[in-house]
Amino acid sequence: MIYIRLNELLEEHQKRHRLEKPISLRELAERIDVHRESLRRFAANKMDRIPVDVVEKVCLFFNCDIGELLLILNDDEEIKKNSSP
């Protein structure tokens, strides 16, 4: 399973830039010129196919590598992630 760390990157961005709250998906979508609903599904890990252009835009915005945005989880890691509170 591929896990998309967009929510974690939003939180890290907040801390790094000392913002009161993370930027919203709506604001991020506007800044990187991606449809808001697509970005919402991307953040919720509800995409069957991951658009390369969205990955590129998110990585450029956060100044991160693809490996910081996308993780490959094996079945055990997926089970732990889904069962954690």
PDB file of N, CA and C in Angstrom:
ATOM      1  N   MET A   1       0.846  -1.182   0.000  1.00  0.00           N
ATOM      2  CA  MET A   1       0.000   0.000   0.000  1.00  0.00           C
ATOM      3  C   MET A   1       0.890   1.244   0.000  1.00  0.00           C
ATOM      4  N   ILE A   2       0.494   2.227  -0.770  1.00  0.00           N
ATOM      5  CA  ILE A   2       1.199   3.507  -0.752  1.00  0.00           C
ATOM      6  C   ILE A   2       0.439   4.445   0.177  1.00  0.00           C
ATOM      7  N   TYR A   3       1.150   5.028   1.118  1.00  0.00           N
ATOM      8  CA  TYR A   3       0.566   5.962   2.077  1.00  0.00           C
ATOM      9  C   TYR A   3       1.032   7.377   1.733  1.00  0.00           C
ATOM     10  N   ILE A   4       0.090   8.286   1.627  1.00  0.00           N
ATOM     11  CA  ILE A   4       0.397   9.676   1.281  1.00  0.00           C
ATOM     12  C   ILE A   4       0.456  10.499   2.563  1.00  0.00           C
ATOM     13  N   ARG A   5       1.585  11.118   2.821  1.00  0.00           N
ATOM     14  CA  ARG A   5       1.827  11.849   4.064  1.00  0.00           C
ATOM     15  C   ARG A   5       1.485  13.342   3.961  1.00  0.00           C
ATOM     16  N   LEU A   6       0.471  13.689   3.230  1.00  0.00           N
ATOM     17  CA  LEU A   6       0.151  15.100   3.041  1.00  0.00           C
ATOM     18  C   LEU A   6      -0.229  15.781   4.346  1.00  0.00           C
ATOM     19  N   ASN A   7      -1.038  15.136   5.162  1.00  0.00           N
ATOM     20  CA  ASN A   7      -1.452  15.747   6.432  1.00  0.00           C
ATOM     21  C   ASN A   7      -0.248  15.989   7.350  1.00  0.00           C
ATOM     22  N   GLU A   8       0.675  15.043   7.363  1.00  0.00           N
ATOM     23  CA  GLU A   8       1.873  15.213   8.175  1.00  0.00           C
ATOM     24  C   GLU A   8       2.724  16.368   7.650  1.00  0.00           C
ATOM     25  N   LEU A   9       2.829  16.495   6.342  1.00  0.00           N
ATOM     26  CA  LEU A   9       3.597  17.597   5.763  1.00  0.00           C
ATOM     27  C   LEU A   9       2.951  18.945   6.077  1.00  0.00           C
ATOM     28  N   LEU A  10       1.630  18.988   6.091  1.00  0.00           N
ATOM     29  CA  LEU A  10       0.938  20.229   6.465  1.00  0.00           C
ATOM     30  C   LEU A  10       1.276  20.622   7.903  1.00  0.00           C
ATOM     31  N   GLU A  11       1.291  19.643   8.809  1.00  0.00           N
ATOM     32  CA  GLU A  11       1.634  19.919  10.209  1.00  0.00           C
ATOM     33  C   GLU A  11       3.089  20.344  10.351  1.00  0.00           C
ATOM     34  N   GLU A  12       3.987  19.671   9.633  1.00  0.00           N
ATOM     35  CA  GLU A  12       5.405  20.034   9.688  1.00  0.00           C
ATOM     36  C   GLU A  12       5.620  21.446   9.151  1.00  0.00           C
ATOM     37  N   HIS A  13       4.897  21.795   8.102  1.00  0.00           N
ATOM     38  CA  HIS A  13       4.973  23.134   7.513  1.00  0.00           C
ATOM     39  C   HIS A  13       4.537  24.178   8.544  1.00  0.00           C
ATOM     40  N   GLN A  14       3.476  23.865   9.268  1.00  0.00           N
ATOM     41  CA  GLN A  14       2.979  24.766  10.324  1.00  0.00           C
ATOM     42  C   GLN A  14       4.059  25.010  11.369  1.00  0.00           C
ATOM     43  N   LYS A  15       4.683  23.949  11.842  1.00  0.00           N
ATOM     44  CA  LYS A  15       5.712  24.078  12.875  1.00  0.00           C
ATOM     45  C   LYS A  15       6.943  24.816  12.360  1.00  0.00           C
ATOM     46  N   ARG A  16       7.360  24.463  11.151  1.00  0.00           N
ATOM     47  CA  ARG A  16       8.562  25.063  10.577  1.00  0.00           C
ATOM     48  C   ARG A  16       8.391  26.567  10.371  1.00  0.00           C
ATOM     49  N   HIS A  17       7.198  26.989   9.998  1.00  0.00           N
ATOM     50  CA  HIS A  17       6.947  28.406   9.727  1.00  0.00           C
ATOM     51  C   HIS A  17       6.239  29.113  10.878  1.00  0.00           C
ATOM     52  N   ARG A  18       6.116  28.399  11.994  1.00  0.00           N
ATOM     53  CA  ARG A  18       5.509  28.952  13.216  1.00  0.00           C
ATOM     54  C   ARG A  18       4.146  29.587  12.953  1.00  0.00           C
ATOM     55  N   LEU A  19       3.310  28.838  12.265  1.00  0.00           N
ATOM     56  CA  LEU A  19       1.961  29.299  11.976  1.00  0.00           C
ATOM     57  C   LEU A  19       1.029  28.864  13.099  1.00  0.00           C
ATOM     58  N   GLU A  20      -0.031  29.623  13.333  1.00  0.00           N
ATOM     59  CA  GLU A  20      -0.996  29.248  14.364  1.00  0.00           C
ATOM     60  C   GLU A  20      -1.676  27.929  14.041  1.00  0.00           C
ATOM     61  N   LYS A  21      -1.975  27.731  12.777  1.00  0.00           N
ATOM     62  CA  LYS A  21      -2.603  26.481  12.336  1.00  0.00           C
ATOM     63  C   LYS A  21      -2.074  26.141  10.952  1.00  0.00           C
ATOM     64  N   PRO A  22      -2.163  24.862  10.585  1.00  0.00           N
ATOM     65  CA  PRO A  22      -1.681  24.492   9.252  1.00  0.00           C
ATOM     66  C   PRO A  22      -2.542  25.140   8.171  1.00  0.00           C
ATOM     67  N   ILE A  23      -1.972  25.320   6.998  1.00  0.00           N
ATOM     68  CA  ILE A  23      -2.790  25.843   5.915  1.00  0.00           C
ATOM     69  C   ILE A  23      -3.832  24.784   5.567  1.00  0.00           C
ATOM     70  N   SER A  24      -4.962  25.217   5.125  1.00  0.00           N
ATOM     71  CA  SER A  24      -6.051  24.290   4.801  1.00  0.00           C
ATOM     72  C   SER A  24      -5.788  23.638   3.445  1.00  0.00           C
ATOM     73  N   LEU A  25      -6.465  22.530   3.227  1.00  0.00           N
ATOM     74  CA  LEU A  25      -6.359  21.886   1.918  1.00  0.00           C
ATOM     75  C   LEU A  25      -6.869  22.816   0.830  1.00  0.00           C
ATOM     76  N   ARG A  26      -7.882  23.601   1.162  1.00  0.00           N
ATOM     77  CA  ARG A  26      -8.423  24.554   0.188  1.00  0.00           C
ATOM     78  C   ARG A  26      -7.363  25.581  -0.213  1.00  0.00           C
ATOM     79  N   GLU A  27      -6.666  26.125   0.785  1.00  0.00           N
ATOM     80  CA  GLU A  27      -5.625  27.116   0.501  1.00  0.00           C
ATOM     81  C   GLU A  27      -4.475  26.476  -0.278  1.00  0.00           C
ATOM     82  N   LEU A  28      -4.087  25.274   0.124  1.00  0.00           N
ATOM     83  CA  LEU A  28      -3.012  24.582  -0.588  1.00  0.00           C
ATOM     84  C   LEU A  28      -3.421  24.315  -2.035  1.00  0.00           C
ATOM     85  N   ALA A  29      -4.652  23.871  -2.225  1.00  0.00           N
ATOM     86  CA  ALA A  29      -5.139  23.602  -3.582  1.00  0.00           C
ATOM     87  C   ALA A  29      -5.059  24.855  -4.449  1.00  0.00           C
ATOM     88  N   GLU A  30      -5.437  25.980  -3.877  1.00  0.00           N
ATOM     89  CA  GLU A  30      -5.362  27.240  -4.620  1.00  0.00           C
ATOM     90  C   GLU A  30      -3.919  27.609  -4.937  1.00  0.00           C
ATOM     91  N   ARG A  31      -3.036  27.432  -3.960  1.00  0.00           N
ATOM     92  CA  ARG A  31      -1.636  27.819  -4.159  1.00  0.00           C
ATOM     93  C   ARG A  31      -0.927  26.970  -5.205  1.00  0.00           C
ATOM     94  N   ILE A  32      -1.274  25.675  -5.254  1.00  0.00           N
ATOM     95  CA  ILE A  32      -0.569  24.794  -6.188  1.00  0.00           C
ATOM     96  C   ILE A  32      -1.392  24.498  -7.439  1.00  0.00           C
ATOM     97  N   ASP A  33      -2.551  25.128  -7.546  1.00  0.00           N
ATOM     98  CA  ASP A  33      -3.411  25.003  -8.724  1.00  0.00           C
ATOM     99  C   ASP A  33      -3.847  23.559  -8.980  1.00  0.00           C
ATOM    100  N   VAL A  34      -4.448  22.969  -7.934  1.00  0.00           N
ATOM    101  CA  VAL A  34      -5.002  21.620  -8.016  1.00  0.00           C
ATOM    102  C   VAL A  34      -6.441  21.702  -7.524  1.00  0.00           C
ATOM    103  N   HIS A  35      -7.329  20.941  -8.141  1.00  0.00           N
ATOM    104  CA  HIS A  35      -8.726  20.944  -7.720  1.00  0.00           C
ATOM    105  C   HIS A  35      -8.810  20.504  -6.260  1.00  0.00           C
ATOM    106  N   ARG A  36      -9.602  21.211  -5.473  1.00  0.00           N
ATOM    107  CA  ARG A  36      -9.702  20.959  -4.028  1.00  0.00           C
ATOM    108  C   ARG A  36     -10.146  19.529  -3.714  1.00  0.00           C
ATOM    109  N   GLU A  37     -11.124  19.032  -4.437  1.00  0.00           N
ATOM    110  CA  GLU A  37     -11.613  17.667  -4.190  1.00  0.00           C
ATOM    111  C   GLU A  37     -10.532  16.625  -4.474  1.00  0.00           C
ATOM    112  N   SER A  38      -9.741  16.848  -5.499  1.00  0.00           N
ATOM    113  CA  SER A  38      -8.631  15.928  -5.800  1.00  0.00           C
ATOM    114  C   SER A  38      -7.622  15.929  -4.658  1.00  0.00           C
ATOM    115  N   LEU A  39      -7.324  17.107  -4.141  1.00  0.00           N
ATOM    116  CA  LEU A  39      -6.366  17.205  -3.043  1.00  0.00           C
ATOM    117  C   LEU A  39      -6.937  16.578  -1.768  1.00  0.00           C
ATOM    118  N   ARG A  40      -8.241  16.713  -1.550  1.00  0.00           N
ATOM    119  CA  ARG A  40      -8.876  16.104  -0.376  1.00  0.00           C
ATOM    120  C   ARG A  40      -8.759  14.578  -0.447  1.00  0.00           C
ATOM    121  N   ARG A  41      -9.048  13.997  -1.612  1.00  0.00           N
ATOM    122  CA  ARG A  41      -8.916  12.546  -1.778  1.00  0.00           C
ATOM    123  C   ARG A  41      -7.458  12.115  -1.647  1.00  0.00           C
ATOM    124  N   PHE A  42      -6.559  12.938  -2.156  1.00  0.00           N
ATOM    125  CA  PHE A  42      -5.120  12.674  -2.050  1.00  0.00           C
ATOM    126  C   PHE A  42      -4.716  12.615  -0.578  1.00  0.00           C
ATOM    127  N   ALA A  43      -5.144  13.589   0.209  1.00  0.00           N
ATOM    128  CA  ALA A  43      -4.807  13.653   1.641  1.00  0.00           C
ATOM    129  C   ALA A  43      -5.431  12.512   2.423  1.00  0.00           C
ATOM    130  N   ALA A  44      -6.596  12.045   1.986  1.00  0.00           N
ATOM    131  CA  ALA A  44      -7.297  10.965   2.682  1.00  0.00           C
ATOM    132  C   ALA A  44      -6.849   9.576   2.212  1.00  0.00           C
ATOM    133  N   ASN A  45      -5.862   9.536   1.335  1.00  0.00           N
ATOM    134  CA  ASN A  45      -5.370   8.267   0.791  1.00  0.00           C
ATOM    135  C   ASN A  45      -6.483   7.475   0.123  1.00  0.00           C
ATOM    136  N   LYS A  46      -7.341   8.166  -0.614  1.00  0.00           N
ATOM    137  CA  LYS A  46      -8.487   7.523  -1.268  1.00  0.00           C
ATOM    138  C   LYS A  46      -8.355   7.548  -2.786  1.00  0.00           C
ATOM    139  N   MET A  47      -7.141   7.486  -3.283  1.00  0.00           N
ATOM    140  CA  MET A  47      -6.933   7.523  -4.732  1.00  0.00           C
ATOM    141  C   MET A  47      -6.415   6.169  -5.189  1.00  0.00           C
ATOM    142  N   ASP A  48      -6.981   5.680  -6.293  1.00  0.00           N
ATOM    143  CA  ASP A  48      -6.475   4.443  -6.888  1.00  0.00           C
ATOM    144  C   ASP A  48      -5.215   4.706  -7.687  1.00  0.00           C
ATOM    145  N   ARG A  49      -5.178   5.887  -8.299  1.00  0.00           N
ATOM    146  CA  ARG A  49      -4.014   6.305  -9.074  1.00  0.00           C
ATOM    147  C   ARG A  49      -3.534   7.641  -8.532  1.00  0.00           C
ATOM    148  N   ILE A  50      -2.241   7.760  -8.389  1.00  0.00           N
ATOM    149  CA  ILE A  50      -1.682   8.993  -7.848  1.00  0.00           C
ATOM    150  C   ILE A  50      -1.174   9.839  -9.015  1.00  0.00           C
ATOM    151  N   PRO A  51      -1.792  11.005  -9.243  1.00  0.00           N
ATOM    152  CA  PRO A  51      -1.368  11.856 -10.359  1.00  0.00           C
ATOM    153  C   PRO A  51       0.031  12.426 -10.133  1.00  0.00           C
ATOM    154  N   VAL A  52       0.900  12.205 -11.099  1.00  0.00           N
ATOM    155  CA  VAL A  52       2.283  12.662 -11.004  1.00  0.00           C
ATOM    156  C   VAL A  52       2.347  14.184 -10.885  1.00  0.00           C
ATOM    157  N   ASP A  53       1.460  14.897 -11.573  1.00  0.00           N
ATOM    158  CA  ASP A  53       1.502  16.355 -11.502  1.00  0.00           C
ATOM    159  C   ASP A  53       1.165  16.858 -10.097  1.00  0.00           C
ATOM    160  N   VAL A  54       0.265  16.169  -9.396  1.00  0.00           N
ATOM    161  CA  VAL A  54      -0.075  16.563  -8.022  1.00  0.00           C
ATOM    162  C   VAL A  54       1.110  16.287  -7.096  1.00  0.00           C
ATOM    163  N   VAL A  55       1.730  15.125  -7.258  1.00  0.00           N
ATOM    164  CA  VAL A  55       2.917  14.795  -6.454  1.00  0.00           C
ATOM    165  C   VAL A  55       3.988  15.856  -6.660  1.00  0.00           C
ATOM    166  N   GLU A  56       4.228  16.215  -7.901  1.00  0.00           N
ATOM    167  CA  GLU A  56       5.251  17.222  -8.210  1.00  0.00           C
ATOM    168  C   GLU A  56       4.919  18.568  -7.558  1.00  0.00           C
ATOM    169  N   LYS A  57       3.686  19.012  -7.689  1.00  0.00           N
ATOM    170  CA  LYS A  57       3.292  20.308  -7.133  1.00  0.00           C
ATOM    171  C   LYS A  57       3.375  20.323  -5.612  1.00  0.00           C
ATOM    172  N   VAL A  58       2.963  19.240  -4.974  1.00  0.00           N
ATOM    173  CA  VAL A  58       3.031  19.162  -3.510  1.00  0.00           C
ATOM    174  C   VAL A  58       4.492  19.153  -3.059  1.00  0.00           C
ATOM    175  N   CYS A  59       5.317  18.356  -3.718  1.00  0.00           N
ATOM    176  CA  CYS A  59       6.740  18.300  -3.350  1.00  0.00           C
ATOM    177  C   CYS A  59       7.428  19.650  -3.547  1.00  0.00           C
ATOM    178  N   LEU A  60       7.099  20.335  -4.621  1.00  0.00           N
ATOM    179  CA  LEU A  60       7.695  21.660  -4.846  1.00  0.00           C
ATOM    180  C   LEU A  60       7.227  22.652  -3.783  1.00  0.00           C
ATOM    181  N   PHE A  61       5.953  22.601  -3.411  1.00  0.00           N
ATOM    182  CA  PHE A  61       5.440  23.521  -2.406  1.00  0.00           C
ATOM    183  C   PHE A  61       6.143  23.306  -1.068  1.00  0.00           C
ATOM    184  N   PHE A  62       6.261  22.044  -0.653  1.00  0.00           N
ATOM    185  CA  PHE A  62       6.869  21.739   0.647  1.00  0.00           C
ATOM    186  C   PHE A  62       8.382  21.602   0.566  1.00  0.00           C
ATOM    187  N   ASN A  63       8.942  21.723  -0.631  1.00  0.00           N
ATOM    188  CA  ASN A  63      10.380  21.570  -0.822  1.00  0.00           C
ATOM    189  C   ASN A  63      10.851  20.237  -0.235  1.00  0.00           C
ATOM    190  N   CYS A  64      10.180  19.171  -0.662  1.00  0.00           N
ATOM    191  CA  CYS A  64      10.504  17.846  -0.132  1.00  0.00           C
ATOM    192  C   CYS A  64      10.726  16.865  -1.276  1.00  0.00           C
ATOM    193  N   ASP A  65      11.305  15.732  -0.943  1.00  0.00           N
ATOM    194  CA  ASP A  65      11.485  14.654  -1.905  1.00  0.00           C
ATOM    195  C   ASP A  65      10.229  13.797  -1.946  1.00  0.00           C
ATOM    196  N   ILE A  66      10.075  13.050  -3.013  1.00  0.00           N
ATOM    197  CA  ILE A  66       8.916  12.173  -3.150  1.00  0.00           C
ATOM    198  C   ILE A  66       8.827  11.197  -1.982  1.00  0.00           C
ATOM    199  N   GLY A  67       9.961  10.727  -1.511  1.00  0.00           N
ATOM    200  CA  GLY A  67       9.983   9.775  -0.391  1.00  0.00           C
ATOM    201  C   GLY A  67       9.481  10.360   0.917  1.00  0.00           C
ATOM    202  N   GLU A  68       9.470  11.671   1.030  1.00  0.00           N
ATOM    203  CA  GLU A  68       8.912  12.315   2.217  1.00  0.00           C
ATOM    204  C   GLU A  68       7.392  12.441   2.120  1.00  0.00           C
ATOM    205  N   LEU A  69       6.874  12.357   0.914  1.00  0.00           N
ATOM    206  CA  LEU A  69       5.430  12.462   0.681  1.00  0.00           C
ATOM    207  C   LEU A  69       4.775  11.097   0.576  1.00  0.00           C
ATOM    208  N   LEU A  70       5.422  10.170  -0.116  1.00  0.00           N
ATOM    209  CA  LEU A  70       4.845   8.850  -0.349  1.00  0.00           C
ATOM    210  C   LEU A  70       5.643   7.777   0.364  1.00  0.00           C
ATOM    211  N   LEU A  71       4.956   6.913   1.079  1.00  0.00           N
ATOM    212  CA  LEU A  71       5.594   5.785   1.752  1.00  0.00           C
ATOM    213  C   LEU A  71       4.977   4.498   1.247  1.00  0.00           C
ATOM    214  N   ILE A  72       5.779   3.467   1.122  1.00  0.00           N
ATOM    215  CA  ILE A  72       5.255   2.147   0.782  1.00  0.00           C
ATOM    216  C   ILE A  72       5.194   1.345   2.071  1.00  0.00           C
ATOM    217  N   LEU A  73       3.986   0.921   2.432  1.00  0.00           N
ATOM    218  CA  LEU A  73       3.776   0.144   3.648  1.00  0.00           C
ATOM    219  C   LEU A  73       3.494  -1.300   3.278  1.00  0.00           C
ATOM    220  N   ASN A  74       4.070  -2.225   4.057  1.00  0.00           N
ATOM    221  CA  ASN A  74       3.701  -3.623   3.845  1.00  0.00           C
ATOM    222  C   ASN A  74       2.423  -3.901   4.632  1.00  0.00           C
ATOM    223  N   ASP A  75       1.888  -5.091   4.532  1.00  0.00           N
ATOM    224  CA  ASP A  75       0.607  -5.417   5.167  1.00  0.00           C
ATOM    225  C   ASP A  75       0.639  -5.222   6.676  1.00  0.00           C
ATOM    226  N   ASP A  76       1.740  -5.594   7.338  1.00  0.00           N
ATOM    227  CA  ASP A  76       1.845  -5.438   8.789  1.00  0.00           C
ATOM    228  C   ASP A  76       1.792  -3.973   9.189  1.00  0.00           C
ATOM    229  N   GLU A  77       2.510  -3.114   8.474  1.00  0.00           N
ATOM    230  CA  GLU A  77       2.516  -1.697   8.780  1.00  0.00           C
ATOM    231  C   GLU A  77       1.132  -1.085   8.538  1.00  0.00           C
ATOM    232  N   GLU A  78       0.456  -1.550   7.497  1.00  0.00           N
ATOM    233  CA  GLU A  78      -0.879  -1.048   7.195  1.00  0.00           C
ATOM    234  C   GLU A  78      -1.849  -1.407   8.318  1.00  0.00           C
ATOM    235  N   ILE A  79      -1.744  -2.627   8.817  1.00  0.00           N
ATOM    236  CA  ILE A  79      -2.617  -3.058   9.904  1.00  0.00           C
ATOM    237  C   ILE A  79      -2.353  -2.235  11.155  1.00  0.00           C
ATOM    238  N   LYS A  80      -1.094  -1.996  11.504  1.00  0.00           N
ATOM    239  CA  LYS A  80      -0.747  -1.190  12.684  1.00  0.00           C
ATOM    240  C   LYS A  80      -1.272   0.233  12.523  1.00  0.00           C
ATOM    241  N   LYS A  81      -1.100   0.818  11.353  1.00  0.00           N
ATOM    242  CA  LYS A  81      -1.536   2.181  11.128  1.00  0.00           C
ATOM    243  C   LYS A  81      -3.043   2.294  11.267  1.00  0.00           C
ATOM    244  N   ASN A  82      -3.784   1.344  10.710  1.00  0.00           N
ATOM    245  CA  ASN A  82      -5.239   1.389  10.758  1.00  0.00           C
ATOM    246  C   ASN A  82      -5.789   1.069  12.134  1.00  0.00           C
ATOM    247  N   SER A  83      -5.028   0.369  12.986  1.00  0.00           N
ATOM    248  CA  SER A  83      -5.543   0.009  14.299  1.00  0.00           C
ATOM    249  C   SER A  83      -5.109   0.989  15.388  1.00  0.00           C
ATOM    250  N   SER A  84      -4.205   1.918  15.070  1.00  0.00           N
ATOM    251  CA  SER A  84      -3.763   2.878  16.085  1.00  0.00           C
ATOM    252  C   SER A  84      -4.821   3.952  16.276  1.00  0.00           C
ATOM    253  N   PRO A  85      -4.926   4.491  17.534  1.00  0.00           N
ATOM    254  CA  PRO A  85      -5.966   5.481  17.814  1.00  0.00           C
ATOM    255  C   PRO A  85      -5.742   6.790  17.117  1.00  0.00           C
TER     256      PRO A  85
END
